[in-house]
């Protein structure tokens, strides 16, 4: 039986960095961890809620717009810095969006003695991020596009980015079949065994009328 490990956790400290930067005493560590989770969940819920309100827009980038690649949290004594790395920050650029998001987070965290500072960073190469590709595939499948066509189109989008290899795997009731199966497509190199290889990874669930499909994407960036 093969022994599997998360590619991101496997490379922490070498090619992969932590997304939270803070220090706490051992007895307060769990509280800080729960606080980080509340902040990330609050931001993702805010994005999803506002995407539904503006779902009437029909442009190509909407299939993967407002997708958060990752959220960095840096804590100081009196300030919490939150950096949101996002593909197409259309919603968060609206007037008053940041202030509204800060109020929602303050209610969840209840940090009276700490100020909250939110910054938005747009990802330079969106289709280099596995989360954005997974959201694109989810958008295509929900619009009844063939899963093979959606996977091939996602591979074509990576040509715009400077990467060395990509692998996409979808598992579940593909095409509405009664028996679940897994399909995989790969292009280029993907050295998962070497720690020096910088590989980005995501696992993304897609809810369809046939059930939940699981999408896994590996992207070999550089070595």
C-alpha atoms as a PDB file:
ATOM      1  CA  UNK A   1       0.000   0.000   0.000  1.00  0.00           C
ATOM      2  CA  UNK A   2       1.370   3.382  -0.953  1.00  0.00           C
ATOM      3  CA  UNK A   3       2.195   5.895   1.765  1.00  0.00           C
ATOM      4  CA  UNK A   4       0.733   9.302   0.898  1.00  0.00           C
ATOM      5  CA  UNK A   5       1.726  12.692   2.328  1.00  0.00           C
ATOM      6  CA  UNK A   6       0.522  16.219   1.665  1.00  0.00           C
ATOM      7  CA  UNK A   7       3.001  17.876  -0.761  1.00  0.00           C
ATOM      8  CA  UNK A   8       2.761  21.215   1.081  1.00  0.00           C
ATOM      9  CA  UNK A   9       3.389  19.857   4.580  1.00  0.00           C
ATOM     10  CA  UNK A  10       6.189  17.681   3.233  1.00  0.00           C
ATOM     11  CA  UNK A  11       8.063  20.778   2.009  1.00  0.00           C
ATOM     12  CA  UNK A  12       7.530  23.145   4.956  1.00  0.00           C
ATOM     13  CA  UNK A  13      10.763  24.952   5.753  1.00  0.00           C
ATOM     14  CA  UNK A  14      12.335  24.288   2.335  1.00  0.00           C
ATOM     15  CA  UNK A  15      10.250  25.473  -0.616  1.00  0.00           C
ATOM     16  CA  UNK A  16       6.997  26.024   1.302  1.00  0.00           C
ATOM     17  CA  UNK A  17       6.456  28.673   4.001  1.00  0.00           C
ATOM     18  CA  UNK A  18       3.928  28.893   6.817  1.00  0.00           C
ATOM     19  CA  UNK A  19       0.811  31.023   6.288  1.00  0.00           C
ATOM     20  CA  UNK A  20       0.672  32.155   9.947  1.00  0.00           C
ATOM     21  CA  UNK A  21       3.434  34.138  11.652  1.00  0.00           C
ATOM     22  CA  UNK A  22       3.019  34.642  15.412  1.00  0.00           C
ATOM     23  CA  UNK A  23       4.285  33.472  18.787  1.00  0.00           C
ATOM     24  CA  UNK A  24       2.271  32.268  21.789  1.00  0.00           C
ATOM     25  CA  UNK A  25       2.835  30.467  25.046  1.00  0.00           C
ATOM     26  CA  UNK A  26       1.959  26.736  24.963  1.00  0.00           C
ATOM     27  CA  UNK A  27      -1.201  27.276  27.038  1.00  0.00           C
ATOM     28  CA  UNK A  28      -2.444  29.985  24.622  1.00  0.00           C
ATOM     29  CA  UNK A  29      -1.421  28.246  21.388  1.00  0.00           C
ATOM     30  CA  UNK A  30      -4.797  26.526  20.795  1.00  0.00           C
ATOM     31  CA  UNK A  31      -6.642  29.849  21.192  1.00  0.00           C
ATOM     32  CA  UNK A  32      -4.421  31.494  18.566  1.00  0.00           C
ATOM     33  CA  UNK A  33      -4.968  28.570  16.227  1.00  0.00           C
ATOM     34  CA  UNK A  34      -8.761  28.800  16.576  1.00  0.00           C
ATOM     35  CA  UNK A  35      -8.563  32.555  16.030  1.00  0.00           C
ATOM     36  CA  UNK A  36      -6.712  32.037  12.728  1.00  0.00           C
ATOM     37  CA  UNK A  37      -9.354  29.543  11.615  1.00  0.00           C
ATOM     38  CA  UNK A  38     -12.182  31.980  12.423  1.00  0.00           C
ATOM     39  CA  UNK A  39     -10.478  34.766  10.448  1.00  0.00           C
ATOM     40  CA  UNK A  40      -9.977  32.570   7.377  1.00  0.00           C
ATOM     41  CA  UNK A  41     -13.530  31.187   7.512  1.00  0.00           C
ATOM     42  CA  UNK A  42     -14.984  34.682   7.904  1.00  0.00           C
ATOM     43  CA  UNK A  43     -13.113  35.945   4.825  1.00  0.00           C
ATOM     44  CA  UNK A  44     -14.143  32.941   2.698  1.00  0.00           C
ATOM     45  CA  UNK A  45     -17.795  33.241   3.803  1.00  0.00           C
ATOM     46  CA  UNK A  46     -17.786  36.956   2.944  1.00  0.00           C
ATOM     47  CA  UNK A  47     -16.446  36.226  -0.556  1.00  0.00           C
ATOM     48  CA  UNK A  48     -19.018  33.476  -1.180  1.00  0.00           C
ATOM     49  CA  UNK A  49     -21.902  35.611   0.090  1.00  0.00           C
ATOM     50  CA  UNK A  50     -21.023  38.525  -2.177  1.00  0.00           C
ATOM     51  CA  UNK A  51     -20.343  36.302  -5.185  1.00  0.00           C
ATOM     52  CA  UNK A  52     -23.947  35.097  -5.074  1.00  0.00           C
ATOM     53  CA  UNK A  53     -25.172  38.695  -5.148  1.00  0.00           C
ATOM     54  CA  UNK A  54     -23.084  39.487  -8.238  1.00  0.00           C
ATOM     55  CA  UNK A  55     -23.584  36.158 -10.039  1.00  0.00           C
ATOM     56  CA  UNK A  56     -25.346  37.869 -12.975  1.00  0.00           C
ATOM     57  CA  UNK A  57     -22.037  38.979 -14.464  1.00  0.00           C
ATOM     58  CA  UNK A  58     -20.943  36.811 -17.397  1.00  0.00           C
ATOM     59  CA  UNK A  59     -17.294  37.309 -18.179  1.00  0.00           C
ATOM     60  CA  UNK A  60     -14.630  34.674 -18.638  1.00  0.00           C
ATOM     61  CA  UNK A  61     -12.810  35.423 -15.393  1.00  0.00           C
ATOM     62  CA  UNK A  62     -15.979  34.845 -13.367  1.00  0.00           C
ATOM     63  CA  UNK A  63     -15.416  31.099 -13.576  1.00  0.00           C
ATOM     64  CA  UNK A  64     -12.494  31.562 -11.221  1.00  0.00           C
ATOM     65  CA  UNK A  65     -12.952  35.126  -9.932  1.00  0.00           C
ATOM     66  CA  UNK A  66     -12.522  36.059  -6.288  1.00  0.00           C
ATOM     67  CA  UNK A  67     -10.736  32.773  -5.588  1.00  0.00           C
ATOM     68  CA  UNK A  68      -8.483  33.059  -2.545  1.00  0.00           C
ATOM     69  CA  UNK A  69      -5.195  31.244  -3.085  1.00  0.00           C
ATOM     70  CA  UNK A  70      -4.085  31.655   0.544  1.00  0.00           C
ATOM     71  CA  UNK A  71      -4.392  33.984   3.534  1.00  0.00           C
ATOM     72  CA  UNK A  72      -1.375  35.121   5.550  1.00  0.00           C
ATOM     73  CA  UNK A  73      -1.860  36.152   9.185  1.00  0.00           C
ATOM     74  CA  UNK A  74       0.816  38.078  11.064  1.00  0.00           C
ATOM     75  CA  UNK A  75       0.172  38.904  14.713  1.00  0.00           C
ATOM     76  CA  UNK A  76       1.864  41.599  16.746  1.00  0.00           C
ATOM     77  CA  UNK A  77       1.166  42.752  20.308  1.00  0.00           C
ATOM     78  CA  UNK A  78      -1.547  45.224  19.330  1.00  0.00           C
ATOM     79  CA  UNK A  79      -2.150  44.512  15.610  1.00  0.00           C
ATOM     80  CA  UNK A  80      -3.297  41.607  13.467  1.00  0.00           C
ATOM     81  CA  UNK A  81      -2.128  41.872   9.859  1.00  0.00           C
ATOM     82  CA  UNK A  82      -4.174  39.860   7.345  1.00  0.00           C
ATOM     83  CA  UNK A  83      -2.891  39.582   3.765  1.00  0.00           C
ATOM     84  CA  UNK A  84      -5.383  38.083   1.305  1.00  0.00           C
ATOM     85  CA  UNK A  85      -3.804  36.640  -1.848  1.00  0.00           C
ATOM     86  CA  UNK A  86      -6.558  36.520  -4.446  1.00  0.00           C
ATOM     87  CA  UNK A  87      -6.781  35.851  -8.167  1.00  0.00           C
ATOM     88  CA  UNK A  88      -9.194  38.547  -9.367  1.00  0.00           C
ATOM     89  CA  UNK A  89     -10.013  40.961  -6.493  1.00  0.00           C
ATOM     90  CA  UNK A  90     -13.089  42.524  -8.117  1.00  0.00           C
ATOM     91  CA  UNK A  91     -15.426  42.325  -5.110  1.00  0.00           C
ATOM     92  CA  UNK A  92     -12.865  43.461  -2.537  1.00  0.00           C
ATOM     93  CA  UNK A  93     -12.018  46.558  -4.610  1.00  0.00           C
ATOM     94  CA  UNK A  94     -15.529  47.924  -4.182  1.00  0.00           C
ATOM     95  CA  UNK A  95     -15.977  50.938  -1.947  1.00  0.00           C
ATOM     96  CA  UNK A  96     -16.521  49.960   1.682  1.00  0.00           C
ATOM     97  CA  UNK A  97     -15.808  46.244   1.133  1.00  0.00           C
ATOM     98  CA  UNK A  98     -12.677  46.178   3.298  1.00  0.00           C
ATOM     99  CA  UNK A  99     -14.371  48.105   6.110  1.00  0.00           C
ATOM    100  CA  UNK A 100     -17.331  45.717   6.065  1.00  0.00           C
ATOM    101  CA  UNK A 101     -15.013  42.716   6.107  1.00  0.00           C
ATOM    102  CA  UNK A 102     -13.069  44.170   9.063  1.00  0.00           C
ATOM    103  CA  UNK A 103     -16.301  44.556  11.054  1.00  0.00           C
ATOM    104  CA  UNK A 104     -17.293  40.940  10.358  1.00  0.00           C
ATOM    105  CA  UNK A 105     -13.897  39.668  11.505  1.00  0.00           C
ATOM    106  CA  UNK A 106     -13.943  41.835  14.639  1.00  0.00           C
ATOM    107  CA  UNK A 107     -17.294  40.293  15.619  1.00  0.00           C
ATOM    108  CA  UNK A 108     -15.921  36.771  15.178  1.00  0.00           C
ATOM    109  CA  UNK A 109     -12.564  37.311  16.864  1.00  0.00           C
ATOM    110  CA  UNK A 110     -13.639  39.721  19.656  1.00  0.00           C
ATOM    111  CA  UNK A 111     -10.146  41.226  19.833  1.00  0.00           C
ATOM    112  CA  UNK A 112     -10.748  44.416  21.802  1.00  0.00           C
ATOM    113  CA  UNK A 113      -7.088  45.299  22.416  1.00  0.00           C
ATOM    114  CA  UNK A 114      -5.885  44.499  18.896  1.00  0.00           C
ATOM    115  CA  UNK A 115      -6.295  46.478  15.705  1.00  0.00           C
ATOM    116  CA  UNK A 116      -7.056  44.693  12.449  1.00  0.00           C
ATOM    117  CA  UNK A 117      -5.218  45.562   9.254  1.00  0.00           C
ATOM    118  CA  UNK A 118      -6.385  43.898   6.006  1.00  0.00           C
ATOM    119  CA  UNK A 119      -4.366  44.072   2.793  1.00  0.00           C
ATOM    120  CA  UNK A 120      -5.226  42.675  -0.651  1.00  0.00           C
ATOM    121  CA  UNK A 121      -2.570  41.252  -2.954  1.00  0.00           C
ATOM    122  CA  UNK A 122      -3.454  40.199  -6.477  1.00  0.00           C
ATOM    123  CA  UNK A 123      -1.779  37.031  -7.705  1.00  0.00           C
ATOM    124  CA  UNK A 124       0.496  37.864 -10.631  1.00  0.00           C
ATOM    125  CA  UNK A 125      -0.113  34.616 -12.516  1.00  0.00           C
ATOM    126  CA  UNK A 126      -3.614  33.379 -11.580  1.00  0.00           C
ATOM    127  CA  UNK A 127      -3.523  30.193 -13.642  1.00  0.00           C
ATOM    128  CA  UNK A 128      -0.352  29.148 -11.844  1.00  0.00           C
ATOM    129  CA  UNK A 129      -2.444  28.579  -8.707  1.00  0.00           C
ATOM    130  CA  UNK A 130      -4.152  25.171  -8.219  1.00  0.00           C
ATOM    131  CA  UNK A 131      -7.081  26.704  -6.290  1.00  0.00           C
ATOM    132  CA  UNK A 132      -8.014  28.883  -9.269  1.00  0.00           C
ATOM    133  CA  UNK A 133      -7.771  25.957 -11.681  1.00  0.00           C
ATOM    134  CA  UNK A 134      -9.943  23.844  -9.361  1.00  0.00           C
ATOM    135  CA  UNK A 135     -12.566  26.606  -9.213  1.00  0.00           C
ATOM    136  CA  UNK A 136     -12.487  26.823 -13.011  1.00  0.00           C
ATOM    137  CA  UNK A 137     -13.115  23.068 -13.320  1.00  0.00           C
ATOM    138  CA  UNK A 138     -15.938  23.312 -10.766  1.00  0.00           C
ATOM    139  CA  UNK A 139     -17.559  26.116 -12.779  1.00  0.00           C
ATOM    140  CA  UNK A 140     -17.370  24.056 -15.971  1.00  0.00           C
ATOM    141  CA  UNK A 141     -18.796  20.894 -14.394  1.00  0.00           C
ATOM    142  CA  UNK A 142     -21.707  22.793 -12.835  1.00  0.00           C
ATOM    143  CA  UNK A 143     -22.519  24.071 -16.340  1.00  0.00           C
ATOM    144  CA  UNK A 144     -22.752  20.454 -17.583  1.00  0.00           C
ATOM    145  CA  UNK A 145     -19.451  20.536 -19.477  1.00  0.00           C
ATOM    146  CA  UNK A 146     -17.754  17.160 -19.950  1.00  0.00           C
ATOM    147  CA  UNK A 147     -15.201  16.496 -17.212  1.00  0.00           C
ATOM    148  CA  UNK A 148     -12.544  15.485 -19.759  1.00  0.00           C
ATOM    149  CA  UNK A 149     -13.061  18.714 -21.692  1.00  0.00           C
ATOM    150  CA  UNK A 150     -12.882  20.745 -18.464  1.00  0.00           C
ATOM    151  CA  UNK A 151      -9.620  19.040 -17.440  1.00  0.00           C
ATOM    152  CA  UNK A 152      -8.033  19.587 -20.862  1.00  0.00           C
ATOM    153  CA  UNK A 153      -9.105  23.247 -20.863  1.00  0.00           C
ATOM    154  CA  UNK A 154      -7.572  23.720 -17.410  1.00  0.00           C
ATOM    155  CA  UNK A 155      -4.311  22.209 -18.700  1.00  0.00           C
ATOM    156  CA  UNK A 156      -4.381  24.669 -21.618  1.00  0.00           C
ATOM    157  CA  UNK A 157      -4.781  27.594 -19.210  1.00  0.00           C
ATOM    158  CA  UNK A 158      -1.524  26.638 -17.498  1.00  0.00           C
ATOM    159  CA  UNK A 159       0.319  27.380 -20.771  1.00  0.00           C
ATOM    160  CA  UNK A 160      -0.053  31.062 -19.898  1.00  0.00           C
ATOM    161  CA  UNK A 161       1.926  30.450 -16.692  1.00  0.00           C
ATOM    162  CA  UNK A 162       5.588  29.516 -16.381  1.00  0.00           C
ATOM    163  CA  UNK A 163       5.355  25.984 -14.940  1.00  0.00           C
ATOM    164  CA  UNK A 164       7.147  22.704 -15.616  1.00  0.00           C
ATOM    165  CA  UNK A 165       4.339  20.222 -15.025  1.00  0.00           C
ATOM    166  CA  UNK A 166       0.733  19.799 -13.918  1.00  0.00           C
ATOM    167  CA  UNK A 167      -1.464  16.881 -12.876  1.00  0.00           C
ATOM    168  CA  UNK A 168      -5.256  16.934 -12.407  1.00  0.00           C
ATOM    169  CA  UNK A 169      -7.248  14.096 -10.847  1.00  0.00           C
ATOM    170  CA  UNK A 170     -11.055  13.944 -10.504  1.00  0.00           C
ATOM    171  CA  UNK A 171     -12.837  11.213  -8.543  1.00  0.00           C
ATOM    172  CA  UNK A 172     -16.525  10.484  -7.990  1.00  0.00           C
ATOM    173  CA  UNK A 173     -19.626   9.803 -10.092  1.00  0.00           C
ATOM    174  CA  UNK A 174     -18.167  11.247 -13.268  1.00  0.00           C
ATOM    175  CA  UNK A 175     -20.741  11.988 -15.938  1.00  0.00           C
ATOM    176  CA  UNK A 176     -23.521  10.812 -13.609  1.00  0.00           C
ATOM    177  CA  UNK A 177     -22.443   7.157 -13.732  1.00  0.00           C
ATOM    178  CA  UNK A 178     -23.651   4.916 -10.921  1.00  0.00           C
ATOM    179  CA  UNK A 179     -20.184   3.564 -10.145  1.00  0.00           C
ATOM    180  CA  UNK A 180     -17.630   6.101  -8.944  1.00  0.00           C
ATOM    181  CA  UNK A 181     -14.210   6.156 -10.550  1.00  0.00           C
ATOM    182  CA  UNK A 182     -11.161   8.368 -10.893  1.00  0.00           C
ATOM    183  CA  UNK A 183      -9.769  10.037 -14.002  1.00  0.00           C
ATOM    184  CA  UNK A 184      -6.346  11.636 -14.245  1.00  0.00           C
ATOM    185  CA  UNK A 185      -4.553  13.825 -16.783  1.00  0.00           C
ATOM    186  CA  UNK A 186      -0.908  14.884 -16.623  1.00  0.00           C
ATOM    187  CA  UNK A 187       1.431  17.107 -18.590  1.00  0.00           C
ATOM    188  CA  UNK A 188       5.132  17.672 -17.988  1.00  0.00           C
ATOM    189  CA  UNK A 189       7.221  16.570 -15.010  1.00  0.00           C
ATOM    190  CA  UNK A 190       5.992  16.113 -11.440  1.00  0.00           C
ATOM    191  CA  UNK A 191       8.797  14.956  -9.062  1.00  0.00           C
ATOM    192  CA  UNK A 192       6.827  14.434  -5.840  1.00  0.00           C
ATOM    193  CA  UNK A 193       9.662  12.548  -4.110  1.00  0.00           C
ATOM    194  CA  UNK A 194      12.220  15.389  -4.121  1.00  0.00           C
ATOM    195  CA  UNK A 195      11.870  18.070  -1.443  1.00  0.00           C
ATOM    196  CA  UNK A 196      13.796  20.632  -3.502  1.00  0.00           C
ATOM    197  CA  UNK A 197      11.013  20.615  -6.120  1.00  0.00           C
ATOM    198  CA  UNK A 198       8.576  23.456  -5.475  1.00  0.00           C
ATOM    199  CA  UNK A 199       5.130  21.927  -5.923  1.00  0.00           C
ATOM    200  CA  UNK A 200       1.805  23.615  -5.225  1.00  0.00           C
ATOM    201  CA  UNK A 201      -1.200  21.455  -4.365  1.00  0.00           C
ATOM    202  CA  UNK A 202      -4.898  21.715  -3.550  1.00  0.00           C
ATOM    203  CA  UNK A 203      -7.791  19.375  -2.797  1.00  0.00           C
ATOM    204  CA  UNK A 204     -11.160  20.847  -3.791  1.00  0.00           C
ATOM    205  CA  UNK A 205     -14.693  19.389  -3.417  1.00  0.00           C
ATOM    206  CA  UNK A 206     -17.273  20.027  -6.169  1.00  0.00           C
ATOM    207  CA  UNK A 207     -20.969  19.613  -5.344  1.00  0.00           C
ATOM    208  CA  UNK A 208     -22.999  18.496  -8.363  1.00  0.00           C
ATOM    209  CA  UNK A 209     -26.505  17.057  -8.826  1.00  0.00           C
ATOM    210  CA  UNK A 210     -24.920  13.576  -8.988  1.00  0.00           C
ATOM    211  CA  UNK A 211     -23.034  13.976  -5.721  1.00  0.00           C
ATOM    212  CA  UNK A 212     -19.703  15.328  -4.529  1.00  0.00           C
ATOM    213  CA  UNK A 213     -16.665  15.105  -6.804  1.00  0.00           C
ATOM    214  CA  UNK A 214     -13.128  15.465  -5.516  1.00  0.00           C
ATOM    215  CA  UNK A 215     -10.496  17.375  -7.489  1.00  0.00           C
ATOM    216  CA  UNK A 216      -6.785  17.224  -6.737  1.00  0.00           C
ATOM    217  CA  UNK A 217      -4.290  19.405  -8.576  1.00  0.00           C
ATOM    218  CA  UNK A 218      -0.487  19.290  -8.439  1.00  0.00           C
ATOM    219  CA  UNK A 219       1.596  22.019 -10.115  1.00  0.00           C
ATOM    220  CA  UNK A 220       5.370  21.738 -10.480  1.00  0.00           C
ATOM    221  CA  UNK A 221       6.594  25.335 -10.422  1.00  0.00           C
ATOM    222  CA  UNK A 222      10.383  25.124 -10.281  1.00  0.00           C
ATOM    223  CA  UNK A 223      13.292  23.141  -8.882  1.00  0.00           C
END
